[in-house]
């Protein structure tokens, strides 16, 4: 058939008989080809050759669909990989710490027996209800669910699992900012009594928090100055004698008060853990330790 096109191109205008004669083929075959060819146009009882110019492609379509591996990766393993990837994504240290807290304190305890591919939107709804029943703030719940969505999407986009759990954490009403709670003088008196009796090592910290109006982290590091005062010395150095007096229930190792980051974190965790018990005894809900700095000192 290439011979027909060569003859047609040379003749420009021709008849069926011309093609049969020059190409030495039967008329039926020649006529069928001439009618089907993109380069041949029929005009009456004659045919005309036209050059078809193909446009050069300036772009191409790349198939980027990823075949799902249908991986059996667990939620625990997925969270570990996600946190490890955070180190390579220029995510701020504080953000990574918040992710780690949300994962270890909330996501893993609830989904520890789940494979990532088995999580459905109904499981997300149940997870939210559990957190609400624990009286976790709506703002924190929203952040936890948003993080969980990020983790699931990451492994869906990487082809580990199918997109069987696609959801959006959408705000439908304003979430009020947490209100600062200021303890009454009576509540402060009761607080001091509990601390003196059960957690004496916390007492100097609370006193400094109220006096200097600085948050716990600043008090522990001693990096700020109070108005009209010299630099604050780390509380960890000041409460060591008091802590030594508590030989049984409140014994705190001297090493805990050395000025290393790890030991300060341990002290901070211990304070918050013990203060949670104090809050329960006082009947306080959603009360933050740092809110104590907005209270007024009383003579105890």
Protein backbone atom coordinates (compact mmCIF):
# COMPACT_ATOMS: atom_id res chain seq x y z
CA UNK A 1 0.00 0.00 0.00
CA UNK A 2 3.00 2.28 0.42
CA UNK A 3 3.38 2.04 -3.38
CA UNK A 4 -0.13 3.46 -3.86
CA UNK A 5 0.71 6.45 -1.64
CA UNK A 6 3.98 7.05 -3.52
CA UNK A 7 2.19 7.02 -6.89
CA UNK A 8 -0.66 9.20 -5.56
CA UNK A 9 1.79 11.69 -4.11
CA UNK A 10 3.60 11.95 -7.44
CA UNK A 11 0.45 12.28 -9.55
CA UNK A 12 -1.35 14.65 -7.14
CA UNK A 13 -4.66 14.18 -9.04
CA UNK A 14 -5.55 10.82 -10.52
CA UNK A 15 -8.24 8.26 -11.28
CA UNK A 16 -8.77 4.75 -10.01
CA UNK A 17 -7.58 3.43 -13.38
CA UNK A 18 -4.28 5.36 -12.97
CA UNK A 19 -3.58 3.60 -9.67
CA UNK A 20 -4.52 0.18 -11.08
CA UNK A 21 -2.23 0.72 -14.05
CA UNK A 22 0.81 2.16 -12.26
CA UNK A 23 0.65 -0.05 -9.15
CA UNK A 24 -0.48 -3.21 -11.01
CA UNK A 25 -3.14 -4.20 -8.44
CA UNK A 26 -6.79 -5.10 -8.77
CA UNK A 27 -9.38 -2.30 -8.88
CA UNK A 28 -11.31 -3.50 -5.81
CA UNK A 29 -8.26 -3.42 -3.53
CA UNK A 30 -7.12 -0.07 -4.90
CA UNK A 31 -10.57 1.54 -4.49
CA UNK A 32 -10.92 0.32 -0.88
CA UNK A 33 -7.52 1.74 0.06
CA UNK A 34 -8.19 5.09 -1.61
CA UNK A 35 -11.49 5.48 0.27
CA UNK A 36 -9.97 4.63 3.67
CA UNK A 37 -6.68 6.54 3.41
CA UNK A 38 -6.35 9.80 5.35
CA UNK A 39 -4.15 11.22 2.59
CA UNK A 40 -6.61 10.65 -0.28
CA UNK A 41 -9.60 12.89 -0.98
CA UNK A 42 -12.22 11.92 -3.61
CA UNK A 43 -13.49 14.72 -5.87
CA UNK A 44 -16.15 13.45 -8.29
CA UNK A 45 -14.71 10.53 -10.26
CA UNK A 46 -11.16 11.55 -9.45
CA UNK A 47 -8.93 11.41 -6.38
CA UNK A 48 -6.57 14.00 -4.92
CA UNK A 49 -3.55 13.43 -2.71
CA UNK A 50 -3.26 15.68 0.36
CA UNK A 51 -0.35 15.76 2.76
CA UNK A 52 -1.36 15.19 6.36
CA UNK A 53 0.88 17.03 8.79
CA UNK A 54 0.89 15.55 12.26
CA UNK A 55 1.19 18.06 15.08
CA UNK A 56 4.20 17.54 17.30
CA UNK A 57 3.25 16.76 20.90
CA UNK A 58 4.41 19.43 23.33
CA UNK A 59 3.56 17.42 26.41
CA UNK A 60 2.77 13.88 27.46
CA UNK A 61 0.38 12.31 29.93
CA UNK A 62 2.13 10.25 32.59
CA UNK A 63 0.16 7.61 34.45
CA UNK A 64 0.96 8.15 38.11
CA UNK A 65 -1.58 5.77 39.57
CA UNK A 66 0.03 3.69 42.30
CA UNK A 67 -0.95 0.08 42.63
CA UNK A 68 -1.95 -0.55 46.23
CA UNK A 69 0.25 -3.00 48.11
CA UNK A 70 -2.65 -3.83 50.43
CA UNK A 71 -0.08 -3.75 53.22
CA UNK A 72 -0.79 -5.26 56.63
CA UNK A 73 1.12 -2.46 58.32
CA UNK A 74 -0.16 -1.81 61.85
CA UNK A 75 -1.15 1.60 63.19
CA UNK A 76 1.79 1.44 65.62
CA UNK A 77 4.31 0.80 62.83
CA UNK A 78 2.71 3.44 60.60
CA UNK A 79 2.96 6.06 63.35
CA UNK A 80 6.64 5.23 63.93
CA UNK A 81 7.40 5.63 60.22
CA UNK A 82 5.40 8.87 60.05
CA UNK A 83 7.30 10.39 62.98
CA UNK A 84 10.61 9.32 61.46
CA UNK A 85 9.64 11.00 58.17
CA UNK A 86 8.86 14.22 60.06
CA UNK A 87 12.60 14.62 60.68
CA UNK A 88 13.21 14.83 56.92
CA UNK A 89 10.38 17.25 56.16
CA UNK A 90 11.74 20.34 57.96
CA UNK A 91 8.90 20.21 60.47
CA UNK A 92 9.51 22.31 63.59
CA UNK A 93 10.71 20.47 66.68
CA UNK A 94 7.75 21.65 68.77
CA UNK A 95 5.31 20.43 66.10
CA UNK A 96 7.00 17.02 66.02
CA UNK A 97 6.80 16.85 69.82
CA UNK A 98 3.08 17.64 69.66
CA UNK A 99 2.61 14.90 67.05
CA UNK A 100 4.44 12.43 69.27
CA UNK A 101 2.28 13.36 72.26
CA UNK A 102 -0.97 12.98 70.29
CA UNK A 103 0.15 9.63 68.90
CA UNK A 104 1.40 8.10 72.15
CA UNK A 105 -1.34 9.49 74.40
CA UNK A 106 -4.38 9.07 72.15
CA UNK A 107 -4.01 7.45 68.71
CA UNK A 108 -1.98 4.36 69.66
CA UNK A 109 -3.92 3.53 72.86
CA UNK A 110 -7.16 3.43 70.83
CA UNK A 111 -5.89 1.91 67.55
CA UNK A 112 -3.07 -0.31 68.90
CA UNK A 113 -4.79 -3.51 67.70
CA UNK A 114 -5.76 -2.09 64.29
CA UNK A 115 -4.11 -2.61 60.93
CA UNK A 116 -4.02 0.74 59.15
CA UNK A 117 -5.99 -0.59 56.17
CA UNK A 118 -8.85 -1.72 58.46
CA UNK A 119 -9.65 1.75 59.81
CA UNK A 120 -12.95 3.10 58.52
CA UNK A 121 -14.68 6.44 58.97
CA UNK A 122 -16.99 4.86 61.55
CA UNK A 123 -13.89 4.03 63.63
CA UNK A 124 -12.84 7.68 63.44
CA UNK A 125 -16.28 8.72 64.72
CA UNK A 126 -16.07 6.25 67.62
CA UNK A 127 -12.56 7.50 68.42
CA UNK A 128 -13.88 11.06 68.65
CA UNK A 129 -16.69 10.02 71.00
CA UNK A 130 -14.21 8.26 73.30
CA UNK A 131 -12.09 11.43 73.50
CA UNK A 132 -15.17 13.55 74.17
CA UNK A 133 -16.17 11.21 77.01
CA UNK A 134 -12.70 11.75 78.50
CA UNK A 135 -13.46 15.50 78.49
CA UNK A 136 -10.61 16.29 76.13
CA UNK A 137 -11.04 19.79 74.71
CA UNK A 138 -12.66 20.14 71.28
CA UNK A 139 -9.63 22.00 69.96
CA UNK A 140 -7.31 19.16 71.00
CA UNK A 141 -9.66 16.53 69.54
CA UNK A 142 -9.69 18.40 66.22
CA UNK A 143 -5.87 18.50 66.16
CA UNK A 144 -5.60 14.79 66.98
CA UNK A 145 -8.06 13.82 64.24
CA UNK A 146 -6.29 16.07 61.73
CA UNK A 147 -2.99 14.34 62.54
CA UNK A 148 -4.58 10.89 62.18
CA UNK A 149 -5.95 11.97 58.80
CA UNK A 150 -2.44 13.03 57.73
CA UNK A 151 -1.02 9.64 58.70
CA UNK A 152 -3.71 7.69 56.82
CA UNK A 153 -3.41 9.91 53.72
CA UNK A 154 0.37 9.52 53.68
CA UNK A 155 0.18 5.74 53.46
CA UNK A 156 -2.68 5.89 50.95
CA UNK A 157 -0.66 8.18 48.67
CA UNK A 158 2.40 5.96 49.03
CA UNK A 159 0.36 2.97 47.89
CA UNK A 160 0.49 1.01 51.13
CA UNK A 161 -3.28 0.86 51.54
CA UNK A 162 -6.43 1.50 49.49
CA UNK A 163 -8.38 4.72 49.88
CA UNK A 164 -11.14 3.16 51.94
CA UNK A 165 -10.96 5.74 54.74
CA UNK A 166 -11.15 9.22 53.27
CA UNK A 167 -12.44 11.92 55.57
CA UNK A 168 -12.10 15.60 56.39
CA UNK A 169 -11.98 17.26 59.78
CA UNK A 170 -14.25 20.19 59.03
CA UNK A 171 -15.15 22.85 61.54
CA UNK A 172 -18.87 23.63 61.59
CA UNK A 173 -18.80 25.96 64.59
CA UNK A 174 -16.24 28.14 66.33
CA UNK A 175 -14.21 26.34 68.98
CA UNK A 176 -13.90 28.67 71.98
CA UNK A 177 -10.43 29.28 73.32
CA UNK A 178 -9.79 27.72 76.72
CA UNK A 179 -10.73 30.09 79.52
CA UNK A 180 -8.14 30.87 82.18
CA UNK A 181 -9.41 29.65 85.52
CA UNK A 182 -8.46 31.71 88.57
CA UNK A 183 -8.69 29.91 91.89
CA UNK A 184 -10.51 31.54 94.76
CA UNK A 185 -8.62 32.17 98.05
CA UNK A 186 -10.46 29.19 99.54
CA UNK A 187 -9.39 26.94 96.68
CA UNK A 188 -5.80 28.14 97.00
CA UNK A 189 -5.82 27.40 100.73
CA UNK A 190 -7.07 23.89 100.05
CA UNK A 191 -4.46 23.48 97.31
CA UNK A 192 -1.63 24.44 99.66
CA UNK A 193 -2.89 22.03 102.31
CA UNK A 194 -2.89 19.13 99.84
CA UNK A 195 0.57 20.03 98.53
CA UNK A 196 2.05 20.33 102.03
CA UNK A 197 0.64 16.97 103.01
CA UNK A 198 1.17 14.89 99.86
CA UNK A 199 3.39 16.72 97.36
CA UNK A 200 5.63 19.15 99.27
CA UNK A 201 8.16 19.30 96.45
CA UNK A 202 5.57 21.07 94.25
CA UNK A 203 4.87 23.79 96.82
CA UNK A 204 7.91 26.03 96.07
CA UNK A 205 7.12 25.79 92.35
CA UNK A 206 3.52 26.90 92.86
CA UNK A 207 4.66 29.78 95.07
CA UNK A 208 7.10 30.97 92.42
CA UNK A 209 4.52 30.51 89.68
CA UNK A 210 2.09 32.79 91.54
CA UNK A 211 4.72 35.31 92.65
CA UNK A 212 6.70 35.66 89.42
CA UNK A 213 3.80 35.14 87.00
CA UNK A 214 5.92 32.90 84.76
CA UNK A 215 4.93 29.53 83.26
CA UNK A 216 6.31 26.25 84.59
CA UNK A 217 8.91 25.83 81.84
CA UNK A 218 10.42 29.23 82.62
CA UNK A 219 10.43 28.57 86.36
CA UNK A 220 12.28 25.28 85.90
CA UNK A 221 14.95 26.74 83.61
CA UNK A 222 15.32 30.01 85.50
CA UNK A 223 15.75 31.88 82.21
CA UNK A 224 13.50 34.86 82.98
CA UNK A 225 13.54 37.73 85.46
CA UNK A 226 10.64 38.87 87.55
CA UNK A 227 9.75 42.53 87.59
CA UNK A 228 12.22 44.37 89.79
CA UNK A 229 14.03 41.15 90.78
CA UNK A 230 17.23 39.40 89.90
CA UNK A 231 17.32 36.43 87.59
CA UNK A 232 15.24 33.54 88.82
CA UNK A 233 17.27 30.60 89.98
CA UNK A 234 16.05 27.23 88.75
CA UNK A 235 13.42 25.80 91.05
CA UNK A 236 14.95 22.37 90.58
CA UNK A 237 17.89 23.56 92.74
CA UNK A 238 15.66 25.05 95.41
CA UNK A 239 13.28 22.16 96.06
CA UNK A 240 15.93 19.49 96.56
CA UNK A 241 16.03 19.80 100.38
CA UNK A 242 12.24 19.60 100.57
CA UNK A 243 12.16 16.57 98.31
CA UNK A 244 14.77 14.78 100.45
CA UNK A 245 12.45 15.08 103.44
CA UNK A 246 9.82 12.97 101.66
CA UNK A 247 11.44 9.59 102.14
CA UNK A 248 8.54 7.43 101.08
CA UNK A 249 5.76 8.75 98.87
CA UNK A 250 7.48 11.83 97.51
CA UNK A 251 11.15 10.85 97.31
CA UNK A 252 12.78 12.54 94.34
CA UNK A 253 16.27 11.64 93.24
CA UNK A 254 18.94 14.33 93.42
CA UNK A 255 19.78 13.55 89.82
CA UNK A 256 16.29 14.70 88.84
CA UNK A 257 17.24 18.28 89.69
CA UNK A 258 20.43 18.57 87.70
CA UNK A 259 20.25 21.12 84.93
CA UNK A 260 20.04 18.74 82.00
CA UNK A 261 17.21 18.86 79.51
CA UNK A 262 16.22 15.26 80.05
CA UNK A 263 15.99 15.64 83.82
CA UNK A 264 13.96 18.83 83.50
CA UNK A 265 11.54 16.99 81.24
CA UNK A 266 11.28 14.20 83.80
CA UNK A 267 10.58 16.68 86.56
CA UNK A 268 8.00 18.45 84.42
CA UNK A 269 6.22 15.16 83.69
CA UNK A 270 6.23 14.23 87.38
CA UNK A 271 4.80 17.62 88.37
CA UNK A 272 1.99 17.41 85.84
CA UNK A 273 1.21 13.81 86.80
CA UNK A 274 0.99 14.60 90.52
CA UNK A 275 -0.88 17.85 89.90
CA UNK A 276 -3.49 15.88 87.97
CA UNK A 277 -4.21 13.96 91.19
CA UNK A 278 -4.44 17.26 93.06
CA UNK A 279 -6.95 18.58 90.50
CA UNK A 280 -9.11 15.51 90.98
CA UNK A 281 -9.06 16.00 94.73
CA UNK A 282 -10.06 19.66 94.33
CA UNK A 283 -12.73 18.81 91.75
CA UNK A 284 -11.13 20.94 89.02
CA UNK A 285 -11.68 20.05 85.35
CA UNK A 286 -9.64 21.31 82.39
CA UNK A 287 -7.45 23.30 84.77
CA UNK A 288 -3.92 23.96 83.51
CA UNK A 289 -0.96 24.03 85.90
CA UNK A 290 0.27 27.27 84.31
CA UNK A 291 -3.08 28.92 85.15
CA UNK A 292 -1.78 29.19 88.72
CA UNK A 293 0.32 32.18 87.69
CA UNK A 294 -2.90 34.19 87.34
CA UNK A 295 -3.82 33.56 90.97
CA UNK A 296 -2.93 35.91 93.80
CA UNK A 297 -0.59 34.81 96.53
CA UNK A 298 -2.11 34.28 99.92
CA UNK A 299 -0.59 33.99 103.37
CA UNK A 300 -0.46 30.31 104.07
